[in-house]
């Protein structure tokens, strides 16, 4: 029976080639356009959805209120993370994170008298082992518990390690020395795989956070400055399952008041911290996304509406043309 249906369909197609092509093309274009739009929207909504316990991961952001101005900043004072680890409760993980883009990197190679220099490298940050407890990176060499424990250690992603050292075994990369801005020497202590899923976290190079406290970088990054907020200095937390975000934010407010200096108190401003959900980072342009591209939810919903419209239009057009053809055939029969 199927063979008969196919024979009839081919016969009708040969009799009405132009009509049939228009009919099928309209439906195919509608389905294809809807599918492409759906894949685009699905990609955007999949950003950072792969992390374990993602619903309990937040970024601590800041709101600075002046008499005539309000500023939203994705950063916190640099000492906040270290103090939170010691003094606050209700958190499973507290992970300070300081971005350090456009850093010159020098790599010494065996048999070469001068190092290979990579100028203004991006996607570099200072972090500690808690960062890798928070976000899911598969480890190729080293371990999250110790890889960033001490000063002058650095963890590279696989792509960055291959860029620096070529296609050698990851075990041979561990222990190599990297020089930053001609002054800071760090030893490779681990290699992790690059994140394959859509993410706002594009960092490829993680220098141990303890390095800042052991060098002259303390002044550059405001290591002990409670009165300074810079978007480079960010803080991510994972709250305990039954913790109240309101009570946790009160702890942050109390922590800030505890460490405000006399000069800071004299400033005519009010600083308030809040929690930004991990899933919100890719969509909320009130705060930055660590330098990565952000999406606009209303636009994505609009695209879905367009996809539905194109699909319906293609179906309606197909039905109308098929009905018209059937009417014409009925007239021919008599």
Protein backbone atom coordinates (compact mmCIF):
# COMPACT_ATOMS: atom_id res chain seq x y z
CA UNK A 1 0.00 0.00 0.00
CA UNK A 2 2.82 2.37 0.85
CA UNK A 3 4.27 1.74 -2.60
CA UNK A 4 0.98 2.80 -4.18
CA UNK A 5 0.87 5.99 -2.12
CA UNK A 6 4.44 6.79 -3.15
CA UNK A 7 3.63 6.18 -6.82
CA UNK A 8 0.62 8.48 -6.66
CA UNK A 9 2.61 11.19 -4.87
CA UNK A 10 5.40 11.06 -7.47
CA UNK A 11 2.86 11.16 -10.28
CA UNK A 12 1.20 14.25 -8.80
CA UNK A 13 4.57 15.86 -8.28
CA UNK A 14 5.47 15.39 -11.95
CA UNK A 15 2.13 16.80 -13.07
CA UNK A 16 2.33 19.88 -10.82
CA UNK A 17 6.07 20.45 -10.33
CA UNK A 18 5.97 24.19 -9.57
CA UNK A 19 2.96 23.88 -7.29
CA UNK A 20 4.49 20.98 -5.35
CA UNK A 21 7.88 22.71 -5.00
CA UNK A 22 6.27 25.84 -3.59
CA UNK A 23 4.20 23.77 -1.21
CA UNK A 24 7.10 21.73 0.14
CA UNK A 25 9.57 24.63 0.17
CA UNK A 26 7.26 26.78 2.29
CA UNK A 27 6.83 24.07 4.90
CA UNK A 28 10.54 23.14 4.88
CA UNK A 29 11.64 26.78 5.31
CA UNK A 30 9.22 27.27 8.19
CA UNK A 31 10.41 24.13 10.00
CA UNK A 32 14.09 24.87 9.35
CA UNK A 33 13.87 28.48 10.54
CA UNK A 34 11.99 27.44 13.68
CA UNK A 35 14.57 24.74 14.42
CA UNK A 36 17.53 27.11 13.98
CA UNK A 37 15.94 29.71 16.26
CA UNK A 38 15.16 27.04 18.86
CA UNK A 39 18.79 25.84 18.88
CA UNK A 40 20.04 29.41 19.33
CA UNK A 41 17.69 30.04 22.25
CA UNK A 42 18.47 26.67 23.81
CA UNK A 43 22.21 27.46 23.64
CA UNK A 44 21.76 30.79 25.43
CA UNK A 45 19.61 29.31 28.20
CA UNK A 46 22.12 26.51 28.78
CA UNK A 47 24.82 28.90 30.05
CA UNK A 48 26.31 27.60 33.32
CA UNK A 49 23.52 25.08 33.87
CA UNK A 50 25.94 22.14 34.08
CA UNK A 51 27.55 22.97 37.45
CA UNK A 52 26.61 20.77 40.37
CA UNK A 53 24.24 22.48 42.85
CA UNK A 54 23.99 25.46 40.50
CA UNK A 55 20.86 26.69 42.30
CA UNK A 56 22.90 27.28 45.45
CA UNK A 57 25.76 29.17 43.77
CA UNK A 58 25.72 32.97 43.87
CA UNK A 59 27.97 35.90 43.07
CA UNK A 60 28.16 38.56 45.78
CA UNK A 61 27.60 41.95 44.10
CA UNK A 62 27.57 45.50 45.41
CA UNK A 63 25.34 48.55 45.20
CA UNK A 64 26.91 51.92 45.97
CA UNK A 65 24.45 54.69 46.81
CA UNK A 66 25.52 58.31 46.74
CA UNK A 67 23.27 61.33 47.33
CA UNK A 68 22.78 61.82 43.59
CA UNK A 69 23.91 58.55 42.06
CA UNK A 70 23.59 54.77 42.41
CA UNK A 71 26.28 52.46 41.01
CA UNK A 72 25.98 48.70 40.64
CA UNK A 73 29.25 46.79 40.72
CA UNK A 74 29.90 43.07 40.32
CA UNK A 75 32.86 43.25 42.70
CA UNK A 76 33.42 43.40 46.44
CA UNK A 77 36.30 44.75 48.54
CA UNK A 78 39.27 42.40 48.10
CA UNK A 79 39.51 41.35 51.79
CA UNK A 80 35.83 40.27 51.89
CA UNK A 81 36.43 36.71 50.72
CA UNK A 82 39.23 35.99 53.20
CA UNK A 83 37.22 37.42 56.07
CA UNK A 84 34.06 35.55 55.03
CA UNK A 85 35.89 32.21 55.08
CA UNK A 86 36.95 32.78 58.69
CA UNK A 87 33.97 34.57 60.19
CA UNK A 88 30.72 33.81 58.35
CA UNK A 89 28.50 30.76 58.67
CA UNK A 90 25.94 29.16 56.37
CA UNK A 91 28.27 28.73 53.40
CA UNK A 92 29.61 25.48 51.99
CA UNK A 93 32.14 27.23 49.75
CA UNK A 94 33.50 30.78 49.62
CA UNK A 95 35.64 31.44 46.55
CA UNK A 96 37.36 34.82 45.99
CA UNK A 97 38.28 35.49 42.39
CA UNK A 98 40.41 38.36 40.99
CA UNK A 99 40.71 38.84 37.23
CA UNK A 100 44.05 39.97 35.81
CA UNK A 101 43.72 40.34 32.06
CA UNK A 102 46.26 41.83 29.66
CA UNK A 103 49.23 40.35 31.47
CA UNK A 104 52.52 39.66 29.68
CA UNK A 105 53.54 36.01 29.97
CA UNK A 106 57.00 34.55 29.31
CA UNK A 107 57.66 30.84 28.81
CA UNK A 108 61.20 29.43 28.79
CA UNK A 109 61.80 26.49 26.46
CA UNK A 110 64.64 23.99 26.54
CA UNK A 111 67.32 24.79 23.97
CA UNK A 112 66.22 28.41 23.55
CA UNK A 113 68.24 31.30 24.95
CA UNK A 114 65.26 33.65 25.16
CA UNK A 115 61.74 32.91 26.41
CA UNK A 116 58.63 32.99 24.24
CA UNK A 117 56.58 36.03 25.25
CA UNK A 118 52.80 36.26 24.99
CA UNK A 119 51.79 39.91 25.29
CA UNK A 120 48.60 41.10 26.93
CA UNK A 121 47.25 37.65 27.62
CA UNK A 122 43.60 37.53 28.60
CA UNK A 123 41.54 35.12 30.70
CA UNK A 124 43.95 35.13 33.66
CA UNK A 125 42.77 35.26 37.27
CA UNK A 126 43.87 34.75 40.86
CA UNK A 127 41.90 32.07 42.70
CA UNK A 128 42.25 29.40 45.35
CA UNK A 129 41.24 25.75 45.58
CA UNK A 130 37.69 26.70 46.55
CA UNK A 131 37.10 27.90 43.01
CA UNK A 132 37.44 24.32 41.79
CA UNK A 133 35.18 23.06 44.56
CA UNK A 134 32.54 25.44 43.26
CA UNK A 135 32.86 24.91 39.51
CA UNK A 136 33.23 21.57 37.76
CA UNK A 137 36.54 21.27 35.90
CA UNK A 138 37.83 17.77 35.07
CA UNK A 139 41.46 17.44 36.23
CA UNK A 140 44.14 16.07 33.92
CA UNK A 141 47.04 16.62 36.34
CA UNK A 142 47.23 17.85 39.92
CA UNK A 143 44.37 18.09 42.42
CA UNK A 144 42.01 20.87 43.46
CA UNK A 145 42.85 20.43 47.15
CA UNK A 146 46.54 21.38 46.77
CA UNK A 147 47.08 22.85 43.30
CA UNK A 148 46.48 26.47 44.42
CA UNK A 149 47.23 26.10 48.12
CA UNK A 150 50.60 27.85 48.18
CA UNK A 151 51.91 31.11 46.68
CA UNK A 152 53.44 31.08 43.21
CA UNK A 153 51.40 28.20 41.85
CA UNK A 154 49.36 28.26 38.66
CA UNK A 155 46.76 25.94 37.12
CA UNK A 156 46.25 26.00 33.35
CA UNK A 157 43.42 24.77 31.19
CA UNK A 158 44.38 22.23 28.53
CA UNK A 159 44.10 24.75 25.69
CA UNK A 160 46.29 27.31 27.45
CA UNK A 161 48.84 24.64 28.42
CA UNK A 162 49.08 23.48 24.79
CA UNK A 163 49.47 27.10 23.71
CA UNK A 164 52.41 27.56 26.06
CA UNK A 165 54.17 24.19 25.92
CA UNK A 166 52.97 22.52 22.74
CA UNK A 167 51.70 18.99 22.39
CA UNK A 168 53.61 17.34 25.22
CA UNK A 169 52.30 15.09 27.98
CA UNK A 170 50.44 16.98 30.71
CA UNK A 171 52.68 15.31 33.29
CA UNK A 172 55.63 17.06 31.66
CA UNK A 173 53.87 20.43 31.90
CA UNK A 174 53.54 20.21 35.67
CA UNK A 175 56.56 21.80 37.32
CA UNK A 176 57.32 24.18 34.47
CA UNK A 177 57.87 27.86 35.27
CA UNK A 178 55.83 30.78 33.93
CA UNK A 179 56.87 34.42 34.36
CA UNK A 180 54.24 37.16 34.55
CA UNK A 181 55.04 40.78 33.72
CA UNK A 182 58.80 40.03 33.97
CA UNK A 183 58.66 39.79 37.77
CA UNK A 184 56.31 37.10 39.04
CA UNK A 185 57.40 33.48 38.69
CA UNK A 186 54.84 30.73 39.15
CA UNK A 187 55.12 26.95 38.90
CA UNK A 188 52.52 24.92 37.03
CA UNK A 189 50.81 22.76 39.65
CA UNK A 190 47.85 21.41 37.68
CA UNK A 191 46.12 21.08 34.33
CA UNK A 192 42.33 21.03 33.91
CA UNK A 193 40.17 20.42 30.86
CA UNK A 194 38.50 23.40 29.25
CA UNK A 195 34.82 23.77 29.97
CA UNK A 196 32.96 22.41 26.94
CA UNK A 197 29.47 23.63 27.82
CA UNK A 198 28.26 27.22 27.35
CA UNK A 199 29.68 29.32 30.19
CA UNK A 200 30.53 32.86 31.25
CA UNK A 201 33.70 31.57 32.93
CA UNK A 202 36.37 31.87 30.24
CA UNK A 203 39.42 31.89 32.54
CA UNK A 204 42.26 29.78 31.17
CA UNK A 205 44.94 30.51 33.75
CA UNK A 206 44.54 30.42 37.55
CA UNK A 207 47.32 31.85 39.72
CA UNK A 208 47.12 31.02 43.42
CA UNK A 209 45.39 33.78 45.36
CA UNK A 210 48.01 33.50 48.11
CA UNK A 211 50.53 34.87 45.62
CA UNK A 212 49.04 38.35 45.97
CA UNK A 213 49.53 38.39 49.73
CA UNK A 214 53.16 37.31 49.33
CA UNK A 215 54.21 39.96 46.79
CA UNK A 216 53.96 43.64 45.98
CA UNK A 217 50.70 42.92 44.18
CA UNK A 218 48.89 43.65 47.46
CA UNK A 219 48.74 47.36 46.68
CA UNK A 220 47.73 46.84 43.06
CA UNK A 221 44.71 44.73 43.96
CA UNK A 222 43.73 46.51 47.19
CA UNK A 223 44.46 43.37 49.19
CA UNK A 224 43.57 44.99 52.54
CA UNK A 225 41.34 47.81 51.30
CA UNK A 226 37.80 47.56 52.67
CA UNK A 227 36.86 50.95 51.27
CA UNK A 228 37.62 50.08 47.65
CA UNK A 229 35.36 48.11 45.31
CA UNK A 230 36.61 46.95 41.93
CA UNK A 231 34.81 44.65 39.51
CA UNK A 232 38.06 42.69 39.11
CA UNK A 233 37.69 41.48 42.70
CA UNK A 234 34.73 39.11 42.71
CA UNK A 235 33.35 36.66 45.22
CA UNK A 236 31.37 33.48 44.57
CA UNK A 237 29.65 31.49 47.28
CA UNK A 238 27.75 28.25 47.63
CA UNK A 239 25.21 28.42 50.41
CA UNK A 240 24.14 25.53 52.59
CA UNK A 241 20.89 23.79 51.49
CA UNK A 242 18.68 25.25 54.22
CA UNK A 243 20.41 28.60 54.62
CA UNK A 244 18.41 31.81 54.31
CA UNK A 245 19.86 34.28 51.84
CA UNK A 246 18.44 37.18 53.86
CA UNK A 247 20.30 36.12 57.03
CA UNK A 248 23.49 35.50 55.06
CA UNK A 249 23.35 38.99 53.57
CA UNK A 250 22.96 40.43 57.08
CA UNK A 251 26.22 38.71 57.96
CA UNK A 252 27.92 40.42 55.01
CA UNK A 253 26.54 43.79 56.12
CA UNK A 254 27.83 43.23 59.65
CA UNK A 255 31.21 42.11 58.29
CA UNK A 256 31.57 45.28 56.25
CA UNK A 257 30.63 47.51 59.20
CA UNK A 258 33.15 45.70 61.36
CA UNK A 259 36.06 46.48 59.06
CA UNK A 260 35.15 49.95 57.79
CA UNK A 261 37.93 52.41 58.50
CA UNK A 262 37.50 55.95 59.82
CA UNK A 263 38.13 57.39 56.34
CA UNK A 264 35.59 55.01 54.87
CA UNK A 265 32.97 56.03 57.43
CA UNK A 266 33.44 59.67 56.47
CA UNK A 267 32.44 58.95 52.87
CA UNK A 268 28.92 60.05 52.01
CA UNK A 269 27.89 56.72 50.54
CA UNK A 270 26.00 53.55 51.40
CA UNK A 271 27.27 50.17 50.23
CA UNK A 272 24.93 47.20 50.14
CA UNK A 273 25.73 43.64 49.06
CA UNK A 274 23.32 41.21 47.42
CA UNK A 275 23.39 37.73 45.88
CA UNK A 276 23.24 37.28 42.12
CA UNK A 277 22.20 33.72 41.11
CA UNK A 278 24.64 31.90 38.85
CA UNK A 279 21.98 31.54 36.14
CA UNK A 280 21.46 35.32 36.11
CA UNK A 281 25.04 36.25 35.20
CA UNK A 282 24.62 35.58 31.47
CA UNK A 283 21.42 37.63 31.23
CA UNK A 284 21.66 40.53 33.69
CA UNK A 285 23.61 43.40 32.14
CA UNK A 286 23.35 45.41 35.35
CA UNK A 287 26.53 43.54 36.26
CA UNK A 288 29.35 42.33 34.03
CA UNK A 289 29.87 38.70 33.04
CA UNK A 290 33.64 38.59 33.60
CA UNK A 291 34.11 40.29 30.23
CA UNK A 292 32.02 37.72 28.35
CA UNK A 293 29.06 38.34 26.06
CA UNK A 294 25.63 38.56 27.66
CA UNK A 295 22.20 37.72 26.28
CA UNK A 296 18.86 39.53 26.54
CA UNK A 297 15.96 37.36 27.72
CA UNK A 298 13.13 39.42 26.14
CA UNK A 299 14.92 39.16 22.80
CA UNK A 300 15.20 35.39 23.16
CA UNK A 301 11.52 35.09 24.03
CA UNK A 302 10.77 37.26 21.01
CA UNK A 303 12.79 34.89 18.82
CA UNK A 304 10.77 31.95 20.14
CA UNK A 305 7.58 33.80 19.19
CA UNK A 306 8.99 34.40 15.69
CA UNK A 307 9.90 30.69 15.42
CA UNK A 308 6.35 29.68 16.37
CA UNK A 309 4.89 32.17 13.90
CA UNK A 310 7.08 30.88 11.05
CA UNK A 311 6.17 27.29 11.86
CA UNK A 312 2.45 28.06 11.93
CA UNK A 313 2.74 30.11 8.74
CA UNK A 314 4.47 27.23 6.97
CA UNK A 315 1.79 24.76 8.12
CA UNK A 316 -1.09 27.05 7.17
CA UNK A 317 0.45 27.72 3.77
CA UNK A 318 0.92 23.98 3.20
CA UNK A 319 -2.70 23.21 4.16
CA UNK A 320 -4.07 26.03 1.99
CA UNK A 321 -2.09 25.00 -1.08
CA UNK A 322 -2.96 21.34 -0.57
CA UNK A 323 -6.65 22.21 -0.23
CA UNK A 324 -6.54 24.33 -3.38
CA UNK A 325 -4.89 21.49 -5.26
CA UNK A 326 -7.50 19.02 -4.01
CA UNK A 327 -10.30 21.36 -5.16
CA UNK A 328 -8.72 21.65 -8.59
CA UNK A 329 -8.44 17.85 -8.88
CA UNK A 330 -12.10 17.47 -7.85
CA UNK A 331 -13.12 19.81 -10.67
CA UNK A 332 -11.04 17.85 -13.15
CA UNK A 333 -12.75 14.61 -12.12
CA UNK A 334 -16.10 16.20 -12.68
